[in-house]
Amino acid sequence: MDAVIRDTEQTDAFPFLRLAGARDPGRLVLFLVLGVLAAGVAGLLAGLAITLGFAVARAGGNPRAVADALDSLTRNAASGRPLLSYSYELTVAGVASIAAAWAALAVASGIFGRPIRSFLTAAPRFRWRVVGAGFAVGFPLVAVAFLAERAFAPSPLAAPILTPGAGVGARAAYALIAAACLYLAAFAEEALFRGWLLQQTAAWTRNLIVILAVNGALFSLAHFDPNPANLLLRAVMGAGWAWIALRTAGVEFTTGAHLANNLFIALFVMPVSFTPAKPGPFDIRPALVELATVLILAGVVELRLRRGATKADPARA
């Protein structure tokens, strides 16, 4: 009984979780049917619209060339491509993700009788300053983590932003498109996982460890990556970001950190592509590096909270 009381006190200490309200099996099932359906339809339609738009643009307005352009877009190789050609995958990923997330949250808002903002933050408004803080802290940490991983497994650097033959304008355009589209994708994932899912899990259990573990596990599984090392890495990342979302009372900081992670990868590691991931040998070292990164990120948040720079009370943040 004492353990249950402690768990309840722990979770009740987080303003973001208090927004979830009581568990409601009927509404949860209704959301899992209608919300998932709405997200799937919205994401699919957005992806198809972007694909058609890119195909028409590539065909130069020639209707007969649209089919060939569509085939070219969907069969793009993952390497040896012009840098700006990856704007297609970036745009689809960003627009389809935000369309799906917004559709799901709109359904959740109607079913649970709450404004969409309540799934994103406990503050009276969305805190863009906190998003910027998450990015500012996260980007250098991701860079250090990348260098640490390369120390374990040295390999030739093939940063997309340094693609041979790309001009300064192309590099700048690629960086801007990547930043904009990956923000949409990061926000969408944070809204669903560190937003709706985090709160909904708290409505069913008061055990903080279970809440974080469920968030990390489902976040990892949702990426459909067959590589077990990547599954573990994302599980660590998801659980760590869930804790930070609880401490900062919203998804703003984690959205900035998420963007920093994805943008660094798109600029300096590999471009976003739709090439299916392949299974690989299990290597726990990347997950350990990610764990260290998340712990440092959480430590920075705790330090700022203690110093009062990020108010513990979201209403004053």
C-alpha atoms as a PDB file:
ATOM      1  CA  MET A   1       0.000   0.000   0.000  1.00  0.00           C
ATOM      2  CA  ASP A   2       2.855   2.380   0.834  1.00  0.00           C
ATOM      3  CA  ALA A   3       4.292   1.796  -2.642  1.00  0.00           C
ATOM      4  CA  VAL A   4       0.957   2.676  -4.242  1.00  0.00           C
ATOM      5  CA  ILE A   5       0.751   5.871  -2.211  1.00  0.00           C
ATOM      6  CA  ARG A   6       4.281   6.841  -3.211  1.00  0.00           C
ATOM      7  CA  ASP A   7       3.540   6.156  -6.887  1.00  0.00           C
ATOM      8  CA  THR A   8       0.392   8.281  -6.684  1.00  0.00           C
ATOM      9  CA  GLU A   9       2.246  11.119  -5.009  1.00  0.00           C
ATOM     10  CA  GLN A  10       4.990  10.916  -7.644  1.00  0.00           C
ATOM     11  CA  THR A  11       2.688  11.191 -10.632  1.00  0.00           C
ATOM     12  CA  ASP A  12       0.390  13.763  -9.031  1.00  0.00           C
ATOM     13  CA  ALA A  13       3.422  16.001  -8.669  1.00  0.00           C
ATOM     14  CA  PHE A  14       3.479  16.517 -12.435  1.00  0.00           C
ATOM     15  CA  PRO A  15       1.014  19.149 -13.725  1.00  0.00           C
ATOM     16  CA  PHE A  16       1.136  17.648 -17.215  1.00  0.00           C
ATOM     17  CA  LEU A  17      -0.195  14.291 -15.998  1.00  0.00           C
ATOM     18  CA  ARG A  18      -2.985  15.849 -13.973  1.00  0.00           C
ATOM     19  CA  LEU A  19      -4.559  16.986 -17.250  1.00  0.00           C
ATOM     20  CA  ALA A  20      -5.252  13.369 -18.221  1.00  0.00           C
ATOM     21  CA  GLY A  21      -8.152  12.946 -15.805  1.00  0.00           C
ATOM     22  CA  ALA A  22      -9.624   9.574 -14.812  1.00  0.00           C
ATOM     23  CA  ARG A  23      -9.348   6.428 -16.891  1.00  0.00           C
ATOM     24  CA  ASP A  24     -12.202   5.851 -19.314  1.00  0.00           C
ATOM     25  CA  PRO A  25     -12.080   2.539 -21.230  1.00  0.00           C
ATOM     26  CA  GLY A  26     -14.908   3.504 -23.561  1.00  0.00           C
ATOM     27  CA  ARG A  27     -13.314   6.738 -24.689  1.00  0.00           C
ATOM     28  CA  LEU A  28      -9.921   5.061 -25.036  1.00  0.00           C
ATOM     29  CA  VAL A  29     -11.306   2.352 -27.325  1.00  0.00           C
ATOM     30  CA  LEU A  30     -13.215   4.957 -29.327  1.00  0.00           C
ATOM     31  CA  PHE A  31     -10.024   6.962 -29.802  1.00  0.00           C
ATOM     32  CA  LEU A  32      -8.015   3.898 -30.796  1.00  0.00           C
ATOM     33  CA  VAL A  33     -10.579   3.262 -33.538  1.00  0.00           C
ATOM     34  CA  LEU A  34     -11.452   6.752 -34.747  1.00  0.00           C
ATOM     35  CA  GLY A  35      -8.204   8.515 -33.850  1.00  0.00           C
ATOM     36  CA  VAL A  36      -5.957   5.939 -35.495  1.00  0.00           C
ATOM     37  CA  LEU A  37      -8.244   5.848 -38.543  1.00  0.00           C
ATOM     38  CA  ALA A  38      -8.231   9.644 -38.840  1.00  0.00           C
ATOM     39  CA  ALA A  39      -4.462   9.776 -38.452  1.00  0.00           C
ATOM     40  CA  GLY A  40      -3.955   7.110 -41.093  1.00  0.00           C
ATOM     41  CA  VAL A  41      -6.258   8.751 -43.617  1.00  0.00           C
ATOM     42  CA  ALA A  42      -4.848  12.234 -43.031  1.00  0.00           C
ATOM     43  CA  GLY A  43      -1.251  11.039 -43.258  1.00  0.00           C
ATOM     44  CA  LEU A  44      -1.925   9.010 -46.396  1.00  0.00           C
ATOM     45  CA  LEU A  45      -3.745  11.850 -48.170  1.00  0.00           C
ATOM     46  CA  ALA A  46      -1.013  14.340 -47.237  1.00  0.00           C
ATOM     47  CA  GLY A  47       1.698  11.976 -48.478  1.00  0.00           C
ATOM     48  CA  LEU A  48      -0.117  11.348 -51.746  1.00  0.00           C
ATOM     49  CA  ALA A  49      -0.690  15.072 -52.285  1.00  0.00           C
ATOM     50  CA  ILE A  50       2.993  15.885 -51.704  1.00  0.00           C
ATOM     51  CA  THR A  51       4.087  13.041 -53.970  1.00  0.00           C
ATOM     52  CA  LEU A  52       1.772  14.170 -56.756  1.00  0.00           C
ATOM     53  CA  GLY A  53       2.925  17.762 -56.361  1.00  0.00           C
ATOM     54  CA  PHE A  54       6.593  16.786 -56.634  1.00  0.00           C
ATOM     55  CA  ALA A  55       5.841  14.557 -59.627  1.00  0.00           C
ATOM     56  CA  VAL A  56       4.034  17.353 -61.471  1.00  0.00           C
ATOM     57  CA  ALA A  57       6.892  19.732 -60.726  1.00  0.00           C
ATOM     58  CA  ARG A  58       9.487  17.211 -61.881  1.00  0.00           C
ATOM     59  CA  ALA A  59       7.471  16.535 -65.052  1.00  0.00           C
ATOM     60  CA  GLY A  60       7.677  20.241 -65.896  1.00  0.00           C
ATOM     61  CA  GLY A  61       3.938  20.505 -66.415  1.00  0.00           C
ATOM     62  CA  ASN A  62       3.882  17.750 -69.028  1.00  0.00           C
ATOM     63  CA  PRO A  63       0.959  15.432 -68.127  1.00  0.00           C
ATOM     64  CA  ARG A  64       2.513  12.539 -70.050  1.00  0.00           C
ATOM     65  CA  ALA A  65       5.657  12.710 -67.964  1.00  0.00           C
ATOM     66  CA  VAL A  66       3.903  12.630 -64.594  1.00  0.00           C
ATOM     67  CA  ALA A  67       3.758   8.825 -64.431  1.00  0.00           C
ATOM     68  CA  ASP A  68       7.493   8.564 -65.131  1.00  0.00           C
ATOM     69  CA  ALA A  69       8.175  11.237 -62.523  1.00  0.00           C
ATOM     70  CA  LEU A  70       6.110   9.340 -59.963  1.00  0.00           C
ATOM     71  CA  ASP A  71       8.047   6.173 -60.688  1.00  0.00           C
ATOM     72  CA  SER A  72      11.314   8.066 -60.368  1.00  0.00           C
ATOM     73  CA  LEU A  73      10.312   9.575 -57.031  1.00  0.00           C
ATOM     74  CA  THR A  74       9.223   6.318 -55.456  1.00  0.00           C
ATOM     75  CA  ARG A  75      12.263   4.369 -56.676  1.00  0.00           C
ATOM     76  CA  ASN A  76      14.967   6.868 -55.747  1.00  0.00           C
ATOM     77  CA  ALA A  77      18.219   5.240 -54.691  1.00  0.00           C
ATOM     78  CA  ALA A  78      19.481   6.071 -51.223  1.00  0.00           C
ATOM     79  CA  SER A  79      22.858   7.334 -52.434  1.00  0.00           C
ATOM     80  CA  GLY A  80      24.430   9.113 -55.377  1.00  0.00           C
ATOM     81  CA  ARG A  81      21.570  11.608 -55.612  1.00  0.00           C
ATOM     82  CA  PRO A  82      21.602  15.398 -55.836  1.00  0.00           C
ATOM     83  CA  LEU A  83      21.333  16.920 -52.376  1.00  0.00           C
ATOM     84  CA  LEU A  84      18.052  18.747 -53.018  1.00  0.00           C
ATOM     85  CA  SER A  85      16.384  15.572 -54.301  1.00  0.00           C
ATOM     86  CA  TYR A  86      15.989  14.559 -50.643  1.00  0.00           C
ATOM     87  CA  SER A  87      13.585  17.444 -50.160  1.00  0.00           C
ATOM     88  CA  TYR A  88      10.890  15.050 -51.388  1.00  0.00           C
ATOM     89  CA  GLU A  89      11.349  12.592 -48.506  1.00  0.00           C
ATOM     90  CA  LEU A  90      11.759  15.433 -46.026  1.00  0.00           C
ATOM     91  CA  THR A  91       8.542  17.103 -47.148  1.00  0.00           C
ATOM     92  CA  VAL A  92       6.533  13.889 -47.128  1.00  0.00           C
ATOM     93  CA  ALA A  93       7.852  12.964 -43.678  1.00  0.00           C
ATOM     94  CA  GLY A  94       7.084  16.386 -42.227  1.00  0.00           C
ATOM     95  CA  VAL A  95       3.708  17.119 -43.809  1.00  0.00           C
ATOM     96  CA  ALA A  96       2.310  13.586 -43.505  1.00  0.00           C
ATOM     97  CA  SER A  97       3.428  13.364 -39.866  1.00  0.00           C
ATOM     98  CA  ILE A  98       1.864  16.657 -38.814  1.00  0.00           C
ATOM     99  CA  ALA A  99      -1.333  15.897 -40.732  1.00  0.00           C
ATOM    100  CA  ALA A 100      -1.657  12.523 -39.007  1.00  0.00           C
ATOM    101  CA  ALA A 101      -0.857  13.921 -35.557  1.00  0.00           C
ATOM    102  CA  TRP A 102      -3.210  16.867 -35.888  1.00  0.00           C
ATOM    103  CA  ALA A 103      -6.044  14.620 -37.069  1.00  0.00           C
ATOM    104  CA  ALA A 104      -5.484  12.270 -34.122  1.00  0.00           C
ATOM    105  CA  LEU A 105      -5.373  15.135 -31.627  1.00  0.00           C
ATOM    106  CA  ALA A 106      -8.515  16.692 -33.097  1.00  0.00           C
ATOM    107  CA  VAL A 107     -10.334  13.393 -32.570  1.00  0.00           C
ATOM    108  CA  ALA A 108      -8.865  13.086 -29.057  1.00  0.00           C
ATOM    109  CA  SER A 109     -10.003  16.622 -28.280  1.00  0.00           C
ATOM    110  CA  GLY A 110     -13.574  15.769 -29.227  1.00  0.00           C
ATOM    111  CA  ILE A 111     -13.649  12.389 -27.478  1.00  0.00           C
ATOM    112  CA  PHE A 112     -11.988  13.458 -24.222  1.00  0.00           C
ATOM    113  CA  GLY A 113     -13.584  16.906 -24.185  1.00  0.00           C
ATOM    114  CA  ARG A 114     -10.335  18.825 -23.875  1.00  0.00           C
ATOM    115  CA  PRO A 115      -8.614  21.483 -26.006  1.00  0.00           C
ATOM    116  CA  ILE A 116      -5.779  20.242 -28.199  1.00  0.00           C
ATOM    117  CA  ARG A 117      -3.335  22.428 -26.282  1.00  0.00           C
ATOM    118  CA  SER A 118      -3.931  20.332 -23.155  1.00  0.00           C
ATOM    119  CA  PHE A 119      -2.273  17.361 -24.869  1.00  0.00           C
ATOM    120  CA  LEU A 120       0.810  19.481 -25.551  1.00  0.00           C
ATOM    121  CA  THR A 121       1.474  21.560 -22.461  1.00  0.00           C
ATOM    122  CA  ALA A 122       0.220  22.382 -18.992  1.00  0.00           C
ATOM    123  CA  ALA A 123       1.038  26.042 -19.642  1.00  0.00           C
ATOM    124  CA  PRO A 124      -1.625  28.542 -20.757  1.00  0.00           C
ATOM    125  CA  ARG A 125       0.039  28.681 -24.181  1.00  0.00           C
ATOM    126  CA  PHE A 126       2.576  26.738 -26.222  1.00  0.00           C
ATOM    127  CA  ARG A 127       6.062  27.863 -25.097  1.00  0.00           C
ATOM    128  CA  TRP A 128       8.214  28.514 -28.158  1.00  0.00           C
ATOM    129  CA  ARG A 129      11.052  29.763 -25.970  1.00  0.00           C
ATOM    130  CA  VAL A 130      11.244  26.333 -24.346  1.00  0.00           C
ATOM    131  CA  VAL A 131      11.334  24.688 -27.799  1.00  0.00           C
ATOM    132  CA  GLY A 132      14.349  26.858 -28.615  1.00  0.00           C
ATOM    133  CA  ALA A 133      15.997  25.900 -25.337  1.00  0.00           C
ATOM    134  CA  GLY A 134      15.547  22.212 -26.122  1.00  0.00           C
ATOM    135  CA  PHE A 135      17.153  22.668 -29.509  1.00  0.00           C
ATOM    136  CA  ALA A 136      20.006  24.814 -28.172  1.00  0.00           C
ATOM    137  CA  VAL A 137      20.885  22.245 -25.516  1.00  0.00           C
ATOM    138  CA  GLY A 138      20.189  19.188 -27.652  1.00  0.00           C
ATOM    139  CA  PHE A 139      22.150  19.997 -30.812  1.00  0.00           C
ATOM    140  CA  PRO A 140      25.648  20.142 -29.262  1.00  0.00           C
ATOM    141  CA  LEU A 141      24.856  17.070 -27.162  1.00  0.00           C
ATOM    142  CA  VAL A 142      23.888  15.117 -30.282  1.00  0.00           C
ATOM    143  CA  ALA A 143      27.130  16.239 -31.927  1.00  0.00           C
ATOM    144  CA  VAL A 144      29.181  14.981 -28.970  1.00  0.00           C
ATOM    145  CA  ALA A 145      27.234  11.695 -28.946  1.00  0.00           C
ATOM    146  CA  PHE A 146      27.916  11.252 -32.669  1.00  0.00           C
ATOM    147  CA  LEU A 147      31.640  11.785 -32.132  1.00  0.00           C
ATOM    148  CA  ALA A 148      31.585   9.289 -29.262  1.00  0.00           C
ATOM    149  CA  GLU A 149      29.902   6.652 -31.426  1.00  0.00           C
ATOM    150  CA  ARG A 150      32.445   7.226 -34.195  1.00  0.00           C
ATOM    151  CA  ALA A 151      35.206   6.639 -31.657  1.00  0.00           C
ATOM    152  CA  PHE A 152      33.760   3.150 -31.107  1.00  0.00           C
ATOM    153  CA  ALA A 153      33.265   2.407 -34.810  1.00  0.00           C
ATOM    154  CA  PRO A 154      35.344   4.698 -37.073  1.00  0.00           C
ATOM    155  CA  SER A 155      33.938   5.074 -40.593  1.00  0.00           C
ATOM    156  CA  PRO A 156      34.357   7.523 -43.479  1.00  0.00           C
ATOM    157  CA  LEU A 157      32.341  10.701 -42.944  1.00  0.00           C
ATOM    158  CA  ALA A 158      29.774  11.291 -45.688  1.00  0.00           C
ATOM    159  CA  ALA A 159      27.798  14.225 -44.332  1.00  0.00           C
ATOM    160  CA  PRO A 160      24.826  15.028 -46.614  1.00  0.00           C
ATOM    161  CA  ILE A 161      25.400  18.772 -46.219  1.00  0.00           C
ATOM    162  CA  LEU A 162      28.896  18.219 -47.700  1.00  0.00           C
ATOM    163  CA  THR A 163      27.634  16.303 -50.739  1.00  0.00           C
ATOM    164  CA  PRO A 164      30.163  16.850 -53.568  1.00  0.00           C
ATOM    165  CA  GLY A 165      28.887  19.073 -56.369  1.00  0.00           C
ATOM    166  CA  ALA A 166      26.236  20.815 -54.303  1.00  0.00           C
ATOM    167  CA  GLY A 167      26.481  24.595 -54.387  1.00  0.00           C
ATOM    168  CA  VAL A 168      26.172  26.924 -51.428  1.00  0.00           C
ATOM    169  CA  GLY A 169      22.573  27.733 -52.355  1.00  0.00           C
ATOM    170  CA  ALA A 170      21.648  24.049 -52.546  1.00  0.00           C
ATOM    171  CA  ARG A 171      23.248  23.354 -49.178  1.00  0.00           C
ATOM    172  CA  ALA A 172      21.438  26.279 -47.571  1.00  0.00           C
ATOM    173  CA  ALA A 173      18.109  25.279 -49.121  1.00  0.00           C
ATOM    174  CA  TYR A 174      18.570  21.687 -47.978  1.00  0.00           C
ATOM    175  CA  ALA A 175      19.324  22.821 -44.412  1.00  0.00           C
ATOM    176  CA  LEU A 176      16.249  25.087 -44.314  1.00  0.00           C
ATOM    177  CA  ILE A 177      13.931  22.445 -45.771  1.00  0.00           C
ATOM    178  CA  ALA A 178      15.319  19.842 -43.367  1.00  0.00           C
ATOM    179  CA  ALA A 179      14.860  22.149 -40.365  1.00  0.00           C
ATOM    180  CA  ALA A 180      11.263  23.023 -41.279  1.00  0.00           C
ATOM    181  CA  CYS A 181      10.098  19.534 -42.206  1.00  0.00           C
ATOM    182  CA  LEU A 182      11.900  17.755 -39.382  1.00  0.00           C
ATOM    183  CA  TYR A 183      10.375  20.201 -36.911  1.00  0.00           C
ATOM    184  CA  LEU A 184       6.930  19.162 -38.127  1.00  0.00           C
ATOM    185  CA  ALA A 185       7.858  15.495 -37.799  1.00  0.00           C
ATOM    186  CA  ALA A 186       9.402  15.985 -34.347  1.00  0.00           C
ATOM    187  CA  PHE A 187       6.406  17.957 -33.106  1.00  0.00           C
ATOM    188  CA  ALA A 188       4.030  15.289 -34.424  1.00  0.00           C
ATOM    189  CA  GLU A 189       5.852  12.470 -32.628  1.00  0.00           C
ATOM    190  CA  GLU A 190       6.179  14.436 -29.403  1.00  0.00           C
ATOM    191  CA  ALA A 191       2.498  15.420 -29.471  1.00  0.00           C
ATOM    192  CA  LEU A 192       1.426  11.799 -29.787  1.00  0.00           C
ATOM    193  CA  PHE A 193       3.991  10.032 -27.603  1.00  0.00           C
ATOM    194  CA  ARG A 194       5.099  12.584 -24.988  1.00  0.00           C
ATOM    195  CA  GLY A 195       1.659  14.183 -25.187  1.00  0.00           C
ATOM    196  CA  TRP A 196      -1.408  11.981 -25.584  1.00  0.00           C
ATOM    197  CA  LEU A 197       0.240   8.623 -24.799  1.00  0.00           C
ATOM    198  CA  LEU A 198       2.102   9.885 -21.737  1.00  0.00           C
ATOM    199  CA  GLN A 199      -1.048  11.343 -20.236  1.00  0.00           C
ATOM    200  CA  GLN A 200      -3.223   8.383 -21.173  1.00  0.00           C
ATOM    201  CA  THR A 201      -0.774   5.918 -19.614  1.00  0.00           C
ATOM    202  CA  ALA A 202      -0.887   7.916 -16.379  1.00  0.00           C
ATOM    203  CA  ALA A 203      -4.658   7.507 -16.341  1.00  0.00           C
ATOM    204  CA  TRP A 204      -4.172   3.730 -16.091  1.00  0.00           C
ATOM    205  CA  THR A 205      -1.158   3.437 -13.789  1.00  0.00           C
ATOM    206  CA  ARG A 206       0.478   5.630 -11.186  1.00  0.00           C
ATOM    207  CA  ASN A 207       3.784   3.771 -11.372  1.00  0.00           C
ATOM    208  CA  LEU A 208       6.250   6.254 -12.819  1.00  0.00           C
ATOM    209  CA  ILE A 209       8.661   3.570 -14.014  1.00  0.00           C
ATOM    210  CA  VAL A 210       5.865   1.835 -15.930  1.00  0.00           C
ATOM    211  CA  ILE A 211       4.744   5.128 -17.466  1.00  0.00           C
ATOM    212  CA  LEU A 212       8.252   5.868 -18.754  1.00  0.00           C
ATOM    213  CA  ALA A 213       8.885   2.287 -19.884  1.00  0.00           C
ATOM    214  CA  VAL A 214       5.628   2.095 -21.845  1.00  0.00           C
ATOM    215  CA  ASN A 215       6.399   5.401 -23.547  1.00  0.00           C
ATOM    216  CA  GLY A 216       9.894   4.316 -24.537  1.00  0.00           C
ATOM    217  CA  ALA A 217       8.799   0.887 -25.753  1.00  0.00           C
ATOM    218  CA  LEU A 218       5.882   2.086 -27.876  1.00  0.00           C
ATOM    219  CA  PHE A 219       7.907   4.991 -29.280  1.00  0.00           C
ATOM    220  CA  SER A 220      10.584   2.534 -30.376  1.00  0.00           C
ATOM    221  CA  LEU A 221       8.198  -0.049 -31.818  1.00  0.00           C
ATOM    222  CA  ALA A 222       6.337   2.631 -33.804  1.00  0.00           C
ATOM    223  CA  HIS A 223       9.446   3.154 -35.965  1.00  0.00           C
ATOM    224  CA  PHE A 224       9.301  -0.447 -37.285  1.00  0.00           C
ATOM    225  CA  ASP A 225      13.088  -0.780 -37.234  1.00  0.00           C
ATOM    226  CA  PRO A 226      14.220  -4.440 -37.482  1.00  0.00           C
ATOM    227  CA  ASN A 227      17.605  -3.625 -35.941  1.00  0.00           C
ATOM    228  CA  PRO A 228      17.464  -4.591 -32.242  1.00  0.00           C
ATOM    229  CA  ALA A 229      20.203  -2.101 -31.356  1.00  0.00           C
ATOM    230  CA  ASN A 230      18.139   0.735 -32.824  1.00  0.00           C
ATOM    231  CA  LEU A 231      15.037  -0.504 -30.993  1.00  0.00           C
ATOM    232  CA  LEU A 232      16.911  -0.308 -27.691  1.00  0.00           C
ATOM    233  CA  LEU A 233      18.357   3.095 -28.547  1.00  0.00           C
ATOM    234  CA  ARG A 234      14.940   4.575 -29.331  1.00  0.00           C
ATOM    235  CA  ALA A 235      13.418   2.991 -26.226  1.00  0.00           C
ATOM    236  CA  VAL A 236      16.040   4.718 -24.082  1.00  0.00           C
ATOM    237  CA  MET A 237      15.479   7.957 -25.974  1.00  0.00           C
ATOM    238  CA  GLY A 238      11.688   7.781 -25.641  1.00  0.00           C
ATOM    239  CA  ALA A 239      11.737   7.015 -21.916  1.00  0.00           C
ATOM    240  CA  GLY A 240      14.258   9.785 -21.267  1.00  0.00           C
ATOM    241  CA  TRP A 241      12.289  12.344 -23.249  1.00  0.00           C
ATOM    242  CA  ALA A 242       9.124  11.277 -21.410  1.00  0.00           C
ATOM    243  CA  TRP A 243      10.793  12.127 -18.098  1.00  0.00           C
ATOM    244  CA  ILE A 244      11.916  15.506 -19.435  1.00  0.00           C
ATOM    245  CA  ALA A 245       8.385  16.222 -20.696  1.00  0.00           C
ATOM    246  CA  LEU A 246       7.083  15.526 -17.197  1.00  0.00           C
ATOM    247  CA  ARG A 247       9.643  17.805 -15.583  1.00  0.00           C
ATOM    248  CA  THR A 248       9.016  20.647 -18.030  1.00  0.00           C
ATOM    249  CA  ALA A 249       5.225  20.118 -18.012  1.00  0.00           C
ATOM    250  CA  GLY A 250       4.844  19.797 -21.769  1.00  0.00           C
ATOM    251  CA  VAL A 251       6.312  18.649 -25.055  1.00  0.00           C
ATOM    252  CA  GLU A 252       8.050  21.928 -25.941  1.00  0.00           C
ATOM    253  CA  PHE A 253      11.545  21.127 -24.660  1.00  0.00           C
ATOM    254  CA  THR A 254      11.491  17.574 -26.012  1.00  0.00           C
ATOM    255  CA  THR A 255      10.285  18.833 -29.393  1.00  0.00           C
ATOM    256  CA  GLY A 256      13.360  21.068 -29.590  1.00  0.00           C
ATOM    257  CA  ALA A 257      15.653  18.227 -28.503  1.00  0.00           C
ATOM    258  CA  HIS A 258      13.961  15.840 -30.954  1.00  0.00           C
ATOM    259  CA  LEU A 259      14.450  18.319 -33.778  1.00  0.00           C
ATOM    260  CA  ALA A 260      18.112  18.728 -32.805  1.00  0.00           C
ATOM    261  CA  ASN A 261      18.625  14.962 -32.975  1.00  0.00           C
ATOM    262  CA  ASN A 262      16.918  14.484 -36.339  1.00  0.00           C
ATOM    263  CA  LEU A 263      18.375  17.606 -37.937  1.00  0.00           C
ATOM    264  CA  PHE A 264      21.930  16.711 -36.946  1.00  0.00           C
ATOM    265  CA  ILE A 265      21.471  13.264 -38.497  1.00  0.00           C
ATOM    266  CA  ALA A 266      19.991  14.725 -41.706  1.00  0.00           C
ATOM    267  CA  LEU A 267      22.832  17.241 -42.033  1.00  0.00           C
ATOM    268  CA  PHE A 268      25.865  15.255 -40.938  1.00  0.00           C
ATOM    269  CA  VAL A 269      25.068  11.517 -40.824  1.00  0.00           C
ATOM    270  CA  MET A 270      22.579  10.391 -43.465  1.00  0.00           C
ATOM    271  CA  PRO A 271      19.713  11.935 -45.435  1.00  0.00           C
ATOM    272  CA  VAL A 272      16.092  11.046 -44.819  1.00  0.00           C
ATOM    273  CA  SER A 273      15.071   8.362 -47.285  1.00  0.00           C
ATOM    274  CA  PHE A 274      12.361   5.749 -47.589  1.00  0.00           C
ATOM    275  CA  THR A 275      14.811   2.885 -48.059  1.00  0.00           C
ATOM    276  CA  PRO A 276      13.686   0.098 -45.665  1.00  0.00           C
ATOM    277  CA  ALA A 277      15.963  -0.426 -42.686  1.00  0.00           C
ATOM    278  CA  LYS A 278      17.924  -3.676 -42.633  1.00  0.00           C
ATOM    279  CA  PRO A 279      18.576  -5.914 -39.621  1.00  0.00           C
ATOM    280  CA  GLY A 280      22.078  -5.612 -38.248  1.00  0.00           C
ATOM    281  CA  PRO A 281      24.233  -7.106 -35.490  1.00  0.00           C
ATOM    282  CA  PHE A 282      23.310  -6.143 -31.954  1.00  0.00           C
ATOM    283  CA  ASP A 283      25.602  -3.499 -30.501  1.00  0.00           C
ATOM    284  CA  ILE A 284      24.705  -2.022 -27.130  1.00  0.00           C
ATOM    285  CA  ARG A 285      27.225   0.831 -27.338  1.00  0.00           C
ATOM    286  CA  PRO A 286      24.987   3.304 -29.257  1.00  0.00           C
ATOM    287  CA  ALA A 287      22.246   2.773 -26.656  1.00  0.00           C
ATOM    288  CA  LEU A 288      24.742   3.462 -23.853  1.00  0.00           C
ATOM    289  CA  VAL A 289      25.851   6.646 -25.593  1.00  0.00           C
ATOM    290  CA  GLU A 290      22.203   7.661 -25.982  1.00  0.00           C
ATOM    291  CA  LEU A 291      21.568   6.908 -22.304  1.00  0.00           C
ATOM    292  CA  ALA A 292      24.454   9.175 -21.335  1.00  0.00           C
ATOM    293  CA  THR A 293      23.115  11.881 -23.675  1.00  0.00           C
ATOM    294  CA  VAL A 294      19.608  11.685 -22.215  1.00  0.00           C
ATOM    295  CA  LEU A 295      20.969  11.779 -18.666  1.00  0.00           C
ATOM    296  CA  ILE A 296      22.990  14.897 -19.453  1.00  0.00           C
ATOM    297  CA  LEU A 297      19.959  16.499 -21.110  1.00  0.00           C
ATOM    298  CA  ALA A 298      17.812  15.660 -18.087  1.00  0.00           C
ATOM    299  CA  GLY A 299      20.547  16.982 -15.813  1.00  0.00           C
ATOM    300  CA  VAL A 300      20.575  20.308 -17.634  1.00  0.00           C
ATOM    301  CA  VAL A 301      16.802  20.530 -17.265  1.00  0.00           C
ATOM    302  CA  GLU A 302      17.012  19.770 -13.545  1.00  0.00           C
ATOM    303  CA  LEU A 303      19.717  22.381 -13.073  1.00  0.00           C
ATOM    304  CA  ARG A 304      17.679  25.021 -14.878  1.00  0.00           C
ATOM    305  CA  LEU A 305      14.595  24.106 -12.862  1.00  0.00           C
ATOM    306  CA  ARG A 306      16.498  24.452  -9.598  1.00  0.00           C
ATOM    307  CA  ARG A 307      17.843  27.815 -10.677  1.00  0.00           C
ATOM    308  CA  GLY A 308      14.367  28.959 -11.651  1.00  0.00           C
ATOM    309  CA  ALA A 309      15.189  29.668 -15.325  1.00  0.00           C
ATOM    310  CA  THR A 310      12.522  27.140 -16.386  1.00  0.00           C
ATOM    311  CA  LYS A 311       9.688  27.539 -13.923  1.00  0.00           C
ATOM    312  CA  ALA A 312       8.402  24.389 -12.287  1.00  0.00           C
ATOM    313  CA  ASP A 313       4.976  26.006 -12.458  1.00  0.00           C
ATOM    314  CA  PRO A 314       4.150  26.015 -16.199  1.00  0.00           C
ATOM    315  CA  ALA A 315       1.664  28.814 -15.729  1.00  0.00           C
ATOM    316  CA  ARG A 316       4.605  31.127 -14.993  1.00  0.00           C
ATOM    317  CA  ALA A 317       6.995  29.698 -17.604  1.00  0.00           C
END
